[in-house]
Amino acid sequence: MRIFCLLKVETHCPDIKFHFIGHLQKNKVKKLLSVSKKIFVVETVDSEDLAKSLNKELTKLNTTEPLNVMIQVNTSGEECESVCQVFGEHCML
């Protein structure tokens, strides 16, 4: 199996499982999922709103394939806008 990283939403190649890396904006979710049905993983889901947007668009596509995601978590406690905050052992997403 060959794995390629996808840096731009506009990129499209058939027969490849894509890893989307980098920051994904909520308004780009629909375009990302419509460009390629081969998205294997979205790296860096950094908010509950983004996770909900991904779930909403996947539901519309009626796909049986799960979408893998990697959640960006703030484990240091530093002030950040684009990460999920950890409280105790649970990630607030």
Foldseek 3Di string as FASTA:
>chain_A
DDEDEDDDLQDADPPHQYEDDDDDDLVCLLSSCVRDVRDAEYEEDADPSSVVSNVVNVVVVPDPDDHHYHAFEDPPPDDDDRHFYDDDPDTDD
